C-alpha cells in the first residue's frame, strides 16, 4: 500500500469515529450534565415492634415439619 492509501484509511476512520461520537451525543444526550435526585433512606430503628399474635402463637403451623399427605394403609 502507498502512504496516501494508509493516510486515506486513517482519515476515513477518524471522520467515522468523530461522526459516531457526535451522533450518539445527539441521540442520547450528555449524561454527565443531567441532574439526578436521590431519595434519602430513613434511619432503621434498633427497637423491635410487637409481633402479630394471630400468626406467631403456639397453635400456628410449623413450616419446618415434614407433612405426608398420603393415606397410611395397614
N, C-alpha and C. Protein backbone atom coordinates (compact mmCIF):
# COMPACT_ATOMS: atom_id res chain seq x y z
N UNK A 1 0.83 -1.18 0.00
CA UNK A 1 0.00 0.00 0.00
C UNK A 1 0.87 1.24 0.00
N UNK A 2 0.35 2.23 -0.60
CA UNK A 2 1.07 3.50 -0.64
C UNK A 2 0.77 4.29 0.63
N UNK A 3 1.60 5.27 0.90
CA UNK A 3 1.40 6.12 2.06
C UNK A 3 0.09 6.90 1.95
N UNK A 4 -0.29 7.24 0.75
CA UNK A 4 -1.53 8.00 0.58
C UNK A 4 -2.75 7.12 0.89
N UNK A 5 -2.67 5.82 0.59
CA UNK A 5 -3.77 4.92 0.92
C UNK A 5 -3.93 4.78 2.43
N UNK A 6 -2.84 4.61 3.15
CA UNK A 6 -2.88 4.50 4.60
C UNK A 6 -3.40 5.78 5.22
N UNK A 7 -2.97 6.91 4.71
CA UNK A 7 -3.44 8.20 5.22
C UNK A 7 -4.94 8.35 4.96
N UNK A 8 -5.42 7.91 3.82
CA UNK A 8 -6.84 8.00 3.49
C UNK A 8 -7.67 7.10 4.42
N UNK A 9 -7.18 5.89 4.73
CA UNK A 9 -7.88 4.98 5.64
C UNK A 9 -7.95 5.59 7.04
N UNK A 10 -6.84 6.18 7.50
CA UNK A 10 -6.83 6.82 8.81
C UNK A 10 -7.79 8.01 8.84
N UNK A 11 -7.83 8.78 7.77
CA UNK A 11 -8.72 9.94 7.69
C UNK A 11 -10.19 9.50 7.71
N UNK A 12 -10.52 8.48 6.95
CA UNK A 12 -11.91 7.99 6.91
C UNK A 12 -12.31 7.41 8.27
N UNK A 13 -11.41 6.67 8.92
CA UNK A 13 -11.70 6.11 10.24
C UNK A 13 -11.89 7.23 11.27
N UNK A 14 -11.08 8.26 11.22
CA UNK A 14 -11.19 9.37 12.16
C UNK A 14 -12.52 10.10 11.96
N UNK A 15 -12.90 10.33 10.72
CA UNK A 15 -14.17 11.00 10.43
C UNK A 15 -15.33 10.13 10.92
N UNK A 16 -15.23 8.84 10.73
CA UNK A 16 -16.28 7.93 11.20
C UNK A 16 -16.42 7.94 12.71
N UNK A 17 -15.30 7.92 13.43
CA UNK A 17 -15.33 7.94 14.89
C UNK A 17 -15.90 9.26 15.39
N UNK A 18 -15.48 10.37 14.81
CA UNK A 18 -16.00 11.68 15.22
C UNK A 18 -17.49 11.78 14.90
N UNK A 19 -17.90 11.29 13.75
CA UNK A 19 -19.32 11.31 13.40
C UNK A 19 -20.14 10.45 14.34
N UNK A 20 -19.63 9.29 14.70
CA UNK A 20 -20.34 8.41 15.63
C UNK A 20 -20.44 9.05 17.01
N UNK A 21 -19.40 9.71 17.44
CA UNK A 21 -19.40 10.38 18.74
C UNK A 21 -20.47 11.45 18.81
N UNK A 22 -20.50 12.34 17.83
CA UNK A 22 -21.49 13.41 17.84
C UNK A 22 -22.90 12.88 17.55
N UNK A 23 -23.01 11.83 16.77
CA UNK A 23 -24.32 11.24 16.51
C UNK A 23 -24.93 10.63 17.75
N UNK A 24 -24.13 9.90 18.53
CA UNK A 24 -24.66 9.31 19.76
C UNK A 24 -24.96 10.37 20.80
N UNK A 25 -24.17 11.42 20.87
CA UNK A 25 -24.48 12.51 21.81
C UNK A 25 -25.76 13.23 21.42
N UNK A 26 -26.02 13.32 20.11
CA UNK A 26 -27.25 13.97 19.67
C UNK A 26 -28.47 13.12 20.00
N UNK A 27 -28.32 11.81 19.89
CA UNK A 27 -29.45 10.91 20.16
C UNK A 27 -29.64 10.69 21.66
N UNK A 28 -28.58 10.36 22.38
CA UNK A 28 -28.68 10.02 23.79
C UNK A 28 -28.54 11.21 24.72
N UNK A 29 -27.92 12.26 24.28
CA UNK A 29 -27.69 13.42 25.13
C UNK A 29 -26.44 13.24 25.95
N UNK A 30 -26.10 14.31 26.68
CA UNK A 30 -24.90 14.27 27.52
C UNK A 30 -25.31 13.86 28.92
N UNK A 31 -25.01 12.64 29.32
CA UNK A 31 -25.42 12.11 30.60
C UNK A 31 -24.69 12.71 31.78
N UNK A 32 -23.52 13.27 31.58
CA UNK A 32 -22.73 13.78 32.69
C UNK A 32 -23.28 15.09 33.23
N UNK A 33 -24.06 15.82 32.48
CA UNK A 33 -24.55 17.12 32.94
C UNK A 33 -25.99 17.07 33.43
N UNK A 34 -26.64 15.90 33.40
CA UNK A 34 -28.01 15.80 33.86
C UNK A 34 -28.05 15.74 35.39
N UNK A 35 -29.01 16.45 35.98
CA UNK A 35 -29.17 16.42 37.42
C UNK A 35 -30.06 15.24 37.80
N UNK A 36 -29.70 14.58 38.89
CA UNK A 36 -30.44 13.42 39.35
C UNK A 36 -30.79 13.64 40.81
N UNK A 37 -32.04 13.40 41.16
CA UNK A 37 -32.43 13.50 42.57
C UNK A 37 -32.46 12.09 43.16
N UNK A 38 -31.92 11.98 44.37
CA UNK A 38 -31.81 10.68 45.03
C UNK A 38 -32.59 10.76 46.34
N UNK A 39 -33.44 9.76 46.58
CA UNK A 39 -34.19 9.70 47.83
C UNK A 39 -33.25 9.32 48.97
N UNK A 40 -33.47 9.94 50.12
CA UNK A 40 -32.66 9.58 51.28
C UNK A 40 -33.33 8.43 52.02
N UNK A 41 -32.53 7.65 52.68
CA UNK A 41 -33.01 6.48 53.40
C UNK A 41 -33.27 6.87 54.85
N UNK A 42 -34.41 6.41 55.38
CA UNK A 42 -34.71 6.69 56.78
C UNK A 42 -33.87 5.77 57.67
N UNK A 43 -33.54 6.28 58.84
CA UNK A 43 -32.72 5.51 59.77
C UNK A 43 -33.53 4.32 60.29
N UNK A 44 -32.88 3.16 60.37
CA UNK A 44 -33.52 1.95 60.87
C UNK A 44 -33.53 2.01 62.40
N UNK A 45 -34.68 1.75 62.96
CA UNK A 45 -34.83 1.80 64.41
C UNK A 45 -34.26 0.53 65.04
N UNK A 46 -33.50 0.66 66.11
CA UNK A 46 -32.93 -0.54 66.75
C UNK A 46 -33.95 -1.29 67.61
N UNK A 47 -35.12 -0.73 67.84
CA UNK A 47 -36.13 -1.40 68.65
C UNK A 47 -36.99 -2.29 67.78
N UNK A 48 -37.50 -3.37 68.37
CA UNK A 48 -38.37 -4.29 67.65
C UNK A 48 -39.82 -3.98 67.97
N UNK A 49 -40.66 -4.09 66.95
CA UNK A 49 -42.08 -3.89 67.19
C UNK A 49 -42.71 -5.20 67.67
N UNK A 50 -43.89 -5.10 68.23
CA UNK A 50 -44.60 -6.27 68.74
C UNK A 50 -45.07 -7.14 67.57
N UNK A 51 -44.90 -8.46 67.68
CA UNK A 51 -45.29 -9.37 66.60
C UNK A 51 -46.80 -9.60 66.63
N UNK A 52 -47.35 -10.04 65.50
CA UNK A 52 -48.78 -10.30 65.39
C UNK A 52 -49.12 -11.62 66.10
N UNK A 53 -49.97 -11.58 67.12
CA UNK A 53 -50.27 -12.81 67.87
C UNK A 53 -51.13 -13.81 67.08
N UNK A 54 -51.78 -13.38 66.00
CA UNK A 54 -52.57 -14.33 65.22
C UNK A 54 -51.68 -15.22 64.36
N UNK A 55 -50.49 -14.77 64.05
CA UNK A 55 -49.57 -15.56 63.22
C UNK A 55 -48.56 -16.29 64.09
N UNK A 56 -47.98 -15.61 65.05
CA UNK A 56 -46.96 -16.21 65.91
C UNK A 56 -47.60 -16.62 67.23
N UNK A 57 -48.13 -17.82 67.28
CA UNK A 57 -48.71 -18.35 68.51
C UNK A 57 -48.37 -19.83 68.63
N UNK A 58 -48.75 -20.44 69.73
CA UNK A 58 -48.40 -21.84 69.99
C UNK A 58 -49.12 -22.81 69.07
N UNK A 59 -50.28 -22.44 68.52
CA UNK A 59 -51.06 -23.33 67.65
C UNK A 59 -50.77 -23.10 66.16
N UNK A 60 -49.83 -22.26 65.84
CA UNK A 60 -49.53 -21.95 64.44
C UNK A 60 -48.89 -23.15 63.75
N UNK A 61 -49.04 -23.20 62.43
CA UNK A 61 -48.46 -24.29 61.63
C UNK A 61 -46.95 -24.06 61.52
N UNK A 62 -46.18 -25.11 61.75
CA UNK A 62 -44.73 -25.03 61.65
C UNK A 62 -44.32 -25.47 60.25
N UNK A 63 -43.81 -24.58 59.41
CA UNK A 63 -43.44 -24.97 58.05
C UNK A 63 -42.20 -25.85 57.97
N UNK A 64 -41.48 -25.99 59.06
CA UNK A 64 -40.28 -26.81 59.06
C UNK A 64 -40.58 -28.29 59.26
N UNK A 65 -41.81 -28.63 59.64
CA UNK A 65 -42.19 -30.02 59.88
C UNK A 65 -42.62 -30.65 58.55
N UNK A 66 -42.08 -31.84 58.27
CA UNK A 66 -42.43 -32.54 57.04
C UNK A 66 -43.85 -33.09 57.14
N UNK A 67 -44.65 -32.85 56.11
CA UNK A 67 -46.04 -33.29 56.11
C UNK A 67 -46.20 -34.35 55.05
N UNK A 68 -46.81 -35.49 55.41
CA UNK A 68 -47.05 -36.57 54.47
C UNK A 68 -48.54 -36.58 54.16
N UNK A 69 -48.93 -36.38 52.90
CA UNK A 69 -50.31 -36.30 52.52
C UNK A 69 -50.90 -37.64 52.07
N UNK A 70 -50.10 -38.66 51.99
CA UNK A 70 -50.59 -39.97 51.57
C UNK A 70 -51.31 -40.66 52.73
N UNK A 71 -52.29 -41.46 52.37
CA UNK A 71 -53.00 -42.22 53.41
C UNK A 71 -52.16 -43.40 53.82
N UNK A 72 -52.21 -43.70 55.11
CA UNK A 72 -51.47 -44.86 55.61
C UNK A 72 -52.34 -46.09 55.42
N UNK A 73 -51.80 -47.13 54.82
CA UNK A 73 -52.52 -48.39 54.62
C UNK A 73 -51.92 -49.44 55.53
N UNK A 74 -52.83 -50.25 56.11
CA UNK A 74 -52.35 -51.29 57.01
C UNK A 74 -52.69 -52.64 56.50
